[in-house]
Amino acid sequence: MHIESALPTPLPKKPGHDQLYEKAKELEVAFLTEMLAHAGLGESSDAFGGGIGEEQFASFLRTEQARGIVEKGGLGLAQSIFESLVKAQEAKHD
C-alpha cells in the first residue's frame, strides 16, 4: 500500500520544537488508531478468525498502521497541534 499526503509536513525550525512536533505526531497517531478501530479495522471474521489472540494484537496493528499514515503526512492534525503548542509555549515565555 502506497500512501502519499496532499499536505506538506514542515519540520520544526527552532531548538526544542522537535520534541513538541514528536508529541503532536503521537497525538495524531492516537487519534487515527481510535478512528481505525471505530471503522472496524482489525475485527476478526466469524468463520476463520484468529480467536482471542487476534483480538489482543489487533490494537498493535492499528497503532502501527496509524503511525505509518502519520509518517506519510497524515491528516495534518499533527501540524495543527504543533502550531498550537508552539503558540502556547511562546505565550508562556512572553
N, C-alpha and C. Protein backbone atom coordinates (compact mmCIF):
# COMPACT_ATOMS: atom_id res chain seq x y z
N MET A 1 0.84 -1.18 0.00
CA MET A 1 0.00 0.00 0.00
C MET A 1 0.88 1.23 0.00
N HIS A 2 0.64 2.12 -0.93
CA HIS A 2 1.44 3.34 -1.06
C HIS A 2 0.56 4.54 -0.73
N ILE A 3 0.94 5.26 0.32
CA ILE A 3 0.15 6.39 0.78
C ILE A 3 0.96 7.66 0.58
N GLU A 4 0.37 8.66 -0.05
CA GLU A 4 1.02 9.95 -0.21
C GLU A 4 0.10 11.02 0.33
N SER A 5 0.68 11.94 1.05
CA SER A 5 -0.10 13.02 1.65
C SER A 5 -0.20 14.20 0.70
N ALA A 6 -1.35 14.84 0.71
CA ALA A 6 -1.53 16.05 -0.06
C ALA A 6 -1.06 17.26 0.74
N LEU A 7 -0.84 17.04 2.04
CA LEU A 7 -0.43 18.13 2.91
C LEU A 7 1.07 18.09 3.17
N PRO A 8 1.76 19.21 3.02
CA PRO A 8 3.19 19.22 3.35
C PRO A 8 3.36 19.15 4.86
N THR A 9 4.42 18.51 5.29
CA THR A 9 4.70 18.42 6.71
C THR A 9 6.01 19.16 6.98
N PRO A 10 5.92 20.46 7.26
CA PRO A 10 7.14 21.21 7.52
C PRO A 10 7.80 20.76 8.82
N LEU A 11 9.09 20.73 8.81
CA LEU A 11 9.82 20.34 10.01
C LEU A 11 9.99 21.54 10.93
N PRO A 12 10.02 21.31 12.24
CA PRO A 12 10.23 22.40 13.19
C PRO A 12 11.60 23.04 12.96
N LYS A 13 11.69 24.33 13.17
CA LYS A 13 12.92 25.04 12.88
C LYS A 13 13.69 25.49 14.13
N LYS A 14 13.02 25.73 15.21
CA LYS A 14 13.69 26.24 16.40
C LYS A 14 14.11 25.08 17.32
N PRO A 15 15.19 25.29 18.07
CA PRO A 15 15.58 24.26 19.04
C PRO A 15 14.47 24.03 20.06
N GLY A 16 14.25 22.80 20.41
CA GLY A 16 13.19 22.46 21.36
C GLY A 16 11.86 22.16 20.68
N HIS A 17 11.71 22.56 19.43
CA HIS A 17 10.46 22.31 18.72
C HIS A 17 10.37 20.88 18.21
N ASP A 18 11.51 20.21 18.06
CA ASP A 18 11.49 18.81 17.62
C ASP A 18 10.66 17.96 18.57
N GLN A 19 10.86 18.18 19.85
CA GLN A 19 10.14 17.40 20.87
C GLN A 19 8.64 17.69 20.82
N LEU A 20 8.29 18.96 20.64
CA LEU A 20 6.87 19.33 20.53
C LEU A 20 6.24 18.68 19.31
N TYR A 21 6.96 18.68 18.20
CA TYR A 21 6.43 18.10 16.97
C TYR A 21 6.23 16.59 17.12
N GLU A 22 7.16 15.92 17.79
CA GLU A 22 7.02 14.48 18.03
C GLU A 22 5.80 14.18 18.89
N LYS A 23 5.55 15.00 19.89
CA LYS A 23 4.37 14.81 20.75
C LYS A 23 3.09 15.05 19.95
N ALA A 24 3.11 16.03 19.07
CA ALA A 24 1.95 16.29 18.22
C ALA A 24 1.67 15.11 17.30
N LYS A 25 2.73 14.51 16.76
CA LYS A 25 2.56 13.34 15.91
C LYS A 25 2.02 12.16 16.72
N GLU A 26 2.47 12.00 17.96
CA GLU A 26 1.95 10.93 18.82
C GLU A 26 0.45 11.10 19.05
N LEU A 27 0.01 12.34 19.23
CA LEU A 27 -1.43 12.59 19.42
C LEU A 27 -2.21 12.25 18.15
N GLU A 28 -1.65 12.56 16.99
CA GLU A 28 -2.34 12.20 15.74
C GLU A 28 -2.39 10.69 15.58
N VAL A 29 -1.33 9.99 15.96
CA VAL A 29 -1.32 8.52 15.90
C VAL A 29 -2.42 7.96 16.79
N ALA A 30 -2.54 8.50 18.01
CA ALA A 30 -3.57 8.03 18.94
C ALA A 30 -4.97 8.26 18.36
N PHE A 31 -5.18 9.44 17.77
CA PHE A 31 -6.47 9.76 17.16
C PHE A 31 -6.78 8.80 16.02
N LEU A 32 -5.83 8.60 15.13
CA LEU A 32 -6.05 7.71 13.98
C LEU A 32 -6.25 6.26 14.42
N THR A 33 -5.57 5.84 15.46
CA THR A 33 -5.74 4.48 15.98
C THR A 33 -7.19 4.27 16.41
N GLU A 34 -7.73 5.24 17.12
CA GLU A 34 -9.12 5.14 17.56
C GLU A 34 -10.09 5.17 16.38
N MET A 35 -9.81 6.01 15.40
CA MET A 35 -10.68 6.09 14.22
C MET A 35 -10.64 4.79 13.43
N LEU A 36 -9.47 4.19 13.29
CA LEU A 36 -9.36 2.90 12.59
C LEU A 36 -10.12 1.81 13.35
N ALA A 37 -10.08 1.85 14.67
CA ALA A 37 -10.82 0.87 15.48
C ALA A 37 -12.32 1.04 15.27
N HIS A 38 -12.78 2.27 15.29
CA HIS A 38 -14.22 2.52 15.10
C HIS A 38 -14.67 2.19 13.68
N ALA A 39 -13.74 2.24 12.74
CA ALA A 39 -14.07 1.89 11.36
C ALA A 39 -14.11 0.38 11.16
N GLY A 40 -13.69 -0.37 12.18
CA GLY A 40 -13.77 -1.82 12.11
C GLY A 40 -12.49 -2.49 11.63
N LEU A 41 -11.41 -1.74 11.48
CA LEU A 41 -10.15 -2.34 11.05
C LEU A 41 -9.61 -3.26 12.15
N GLY A 42 -9.30 -4.47 11.78
CA GLY A 42 -8.75 -5.43 12.73
C GLY A 42 -9.77 -6.31 13.43
N GLU A 43 -11.04 -6.14 13.08
CA GLU A 43 -12.05 -7.02 13.66
C GLU A 43 -11.91 -8.41 13.07
N SER A 44 -12.04 -9.42 13.91
CA SER A 44 -11.89 -10.79 13.41
C SER A 44 -13.16 -11.24 12.71
N SER A 45 -12.97 -12.06 11.69
CA SER A 45 -14.13 -12.59 10.97
C SER A 45 -14.70 -13.75 11.77
N ASP A 46 -15.97 -14.02 11.57
CA ASP A 46 -16.64 -15.07 12.34
C ASP A 46 -16.17 -16.48 11.94
N ALA A 47 -16.04 -16.73 10.67
CA ALA A 47 -15.75 -18.08 10.21
C ALA A 47 -14.31 -18.51 10.43
N PHE A 48 -13.36 -17.70 10.05
CA PHE A 48 -11.96 -18.09 10.14
C PHE A 48 -11.14 -17.10 10.95
N GLY A 49 -11.70 -16.58 12.01
CA GLY A 49 -11.00 -15.61 12.84
C GLY A 49 -9.89 -16.28 13.64
N GLY A 50 -8.98 -15.44 14.13
CA GLY A 50 -7.84 -15.93 14.89
C GLY A 50 -8.11 -16.06 16.38
N GLY A 51 -9.35 -15.90 16.77
CA GLY A 51 -9.71 -16.06 18.17
C GLY A 51 -9.24 -14.91 19.04
N ILE A 52 -9.03 -15.23 20.31
CA ILE A 52 -8.68 -14.21 21.30
C ILE A 52 -7.32 -13.58 21.00
N GLY A 53 -6.40 -14.37 20.43
CA GLY A 53 -5.08 -13.84 20.09
C GLY A 53 -5.16 -12.74 19.05
N GLU A 54 -6.01 -12.94 18.07
CA GLU A 54 -6.17 -11.93 17.02
C GLU A 54 -6.76 -10.66 17.62
N GLU A 55 -7.72 -10.81 18.49
CA GLU A 55 -8.34 -9.65 19.12
C GLU A 55 -7.33 -8.88 19.97
N GLN A 56 -6.45 -9.61 20.67
CA GLN A 56 -5.47 -8.96 21.54
C GLN A 56 -4.45 -8.15 20.76
N PHE A 57 -4.03 -8.65 19.61
CA PHE A 57 -2.97 -8.00 18.86
C PHE A 57 -3.46 -7.05 17.77
N ALA A 58 -4.76 -7.00 17.55
CA ALA A 58 -5.31 -6.10 16.53
C ALA A 58 -5.02 -4.64 16.85
N SER A 59 -4.99 -4.30 18.13
CA SER A 59 -4.72 -2.91 18.51
C SER A 59 -3.29 -2.50 18.15
N PHE A 60 -2.35 -3.43 18.27
CA PHE A 60 -0.97 -3.13 17.88
C PHE A 60 -0.87 -2.87 16.39
N LEU A 61 -1.59 -3.66 15.61
CA LEU A 61 -1.61 -3.49 14.16
C LEU A 61 -2.20 -2.14 13.79
N ARG A 62 -3.31 -1.78 14.42
CA ARG A 62 -3.94 -0.48 14.13
C ARG A 62 -3.00 0.67 14.47
N THR A 63 -2.29 0.56 15.60
CA THR A 63 -1.36 1.62 16.00
C THR A 63 -0.24 1.77 14.99
N GLU A 64 0.31 0.67 14.52
CA GLU A 64 1.39 0.75 13.54
C GLU A 64 0.89 1.27 12.20
N GLN A 65 -0.33 0.91 11.83
CA GLN A 65 -0.90 1.44 10.59
C GLN A 65 -1.12 2.95 10.72
N ALA A 66 -1.61 3.38 11.88
CA ALA A 66 -1.81 4.81 12.13
C ALA A 66 -0.47 5.54 12.10
N ARG A 67 0.57 4.95 12.70
CA ARG A 67 1.90 5.55 12.70
C ARG A 67 2.42 5.71 11.25
N GLY A 68 2.18 4.71 10.42
CA GLY A 68 2.59 4.79 9.02
C GLY A 68 1.87 5.90 8.29
N ILE A 69 0.59 6.07 8.57
CA ILE A 69 -0.18 7.14 7.94
C ILE A 69 0.38 8.51 8.35
N VAL A 70 0.68 8.66 9.64
CA VAL A 70 1.21 9.93 10.14
C VAL A 70 2.59 10.21 9.54
N GLU A 71 3.42 9.20 9.43
CA GLU A 71 4.76 9.40 8.86
C GLU A 71 4.71 9.80 7.40
N LYS A 72 3.64 9.45 6.71
CA LYS A 72 3.46 9.84 5.31
C LYS A 72 2.74 11.18 5.17
N GLY A 73 2.48 11.85 6.27
CA GLY A 73 1.84 13.17 6.22
C GLY A 73 0.53 13.24 6.97
N GLY A 74 -0.09 12.10 7.17
CA GLY A 74 -1.31 12.04 7.97
C GLY A 74 -2.44 12.93 7.49
N LEU A 75 -3.19 13.41 8.43
CA LEU A 75 -4.35 14.25 8.15
C LEU A 75 -4.03 15.73 8.30
N GLY A 76 -2.82 16.03 8.73
CA GLY A 76 -2.46 17.42 9.01
C GLY A 76 -2.77 17.82 10.43
N LEU A 77 -3.30 16.90 11.20
CA LEU A 77 -3.65 17.17 12.59
C LEU A 77 -2.41 17.45 13.42
N ALA A 78 -1.33 16.71 13.19
CA ALA A 78 -0.09 16.91 13.95
C ALA A 78 0.43 18.33 13.76
N GLN A 79 0.37 18.82 12.53
CA GLN A 79 0.86 20.18 12.27
C GLN A 79 0.01 21.20 13.01
N SER A 80 -1.29 21.02 13.03
CA SER A 80 -2.18 21.95 13.74
C SER A 80 -1.91 21.92 15.24
N ILE A 81 -1.75 20.71 15.77
CA ILE A 81 -1.45 20.56 17.20
C ILE A 81 -0.11 21.22 17.51
N PHE A 82 0.89 20.95 16.67
CA PHE A 82 2.22 21.52 16.85
C PHE A 82 2.17 23.05 16.88
N GLU A 83 1.47 23.64 15.93
CA GLU A 83 1.38 25.10 15.88
C GLU A 83 0.70 25.65 17.13
N SER A 84 -0.31 24.96 17.63
CA SER A 84 -0.98 25.38 18.86
C SER A 84 -0.04 25.28 20.06
N LEU A 85 0.75 24.20 20.11
CA LEU A 85 1.71 24.03 21.21
C LEU A 85 2.78 25.11 21.18
N VAL A 86 3.25 25.45 19.98
CA VAL A 86 4.27 26.50 19.85
C VAL A 86 3.71 27.84 20.32
N LYS A 87 2.50 28.15 19.89
CA LYS A 87 1.87 29.42 20.31
C LYS A 87 1.70 29.46 21.82
N ALA A 88 1.27 28.35 22.41
CA ALA A 88 1.08 28.29 23.86
C ALA A 88 2.42 28.44 24.59
N GLN A 89 3.45 27.81 24.05
CA GLN A 89 4.78 27.89 24.67
C GLN A 89 5.34 29.31 24.57
N GLU A 90 5.16 29.93 23.41
CA GLU A 90 5.65 31.30 23.23
C GLU A 90 4.90 32.29 24.12
N ALA A 91 3.60 32.10 24.27
CA ALA A 91 2.80 32.97 25.14
C ALA A 91 3.22 32.81 26.59
N LYS A 92 3.60 31.60 26.95
CA LYS A 92 4.03 31.32 28.32
C LYS A 92 5.35 32.01 28.63
N HIS A 93 6.21 32.13 27.62
CA HIS A 93 7.53 32.72 27.81
C HIS A 93 7.56 34.23 27.60
N ASP A 94 6.45 34.79 27.11
CA ASP A 94 6.40 36.26 26.89
C ASP A 94 6.06 37.00 28.15
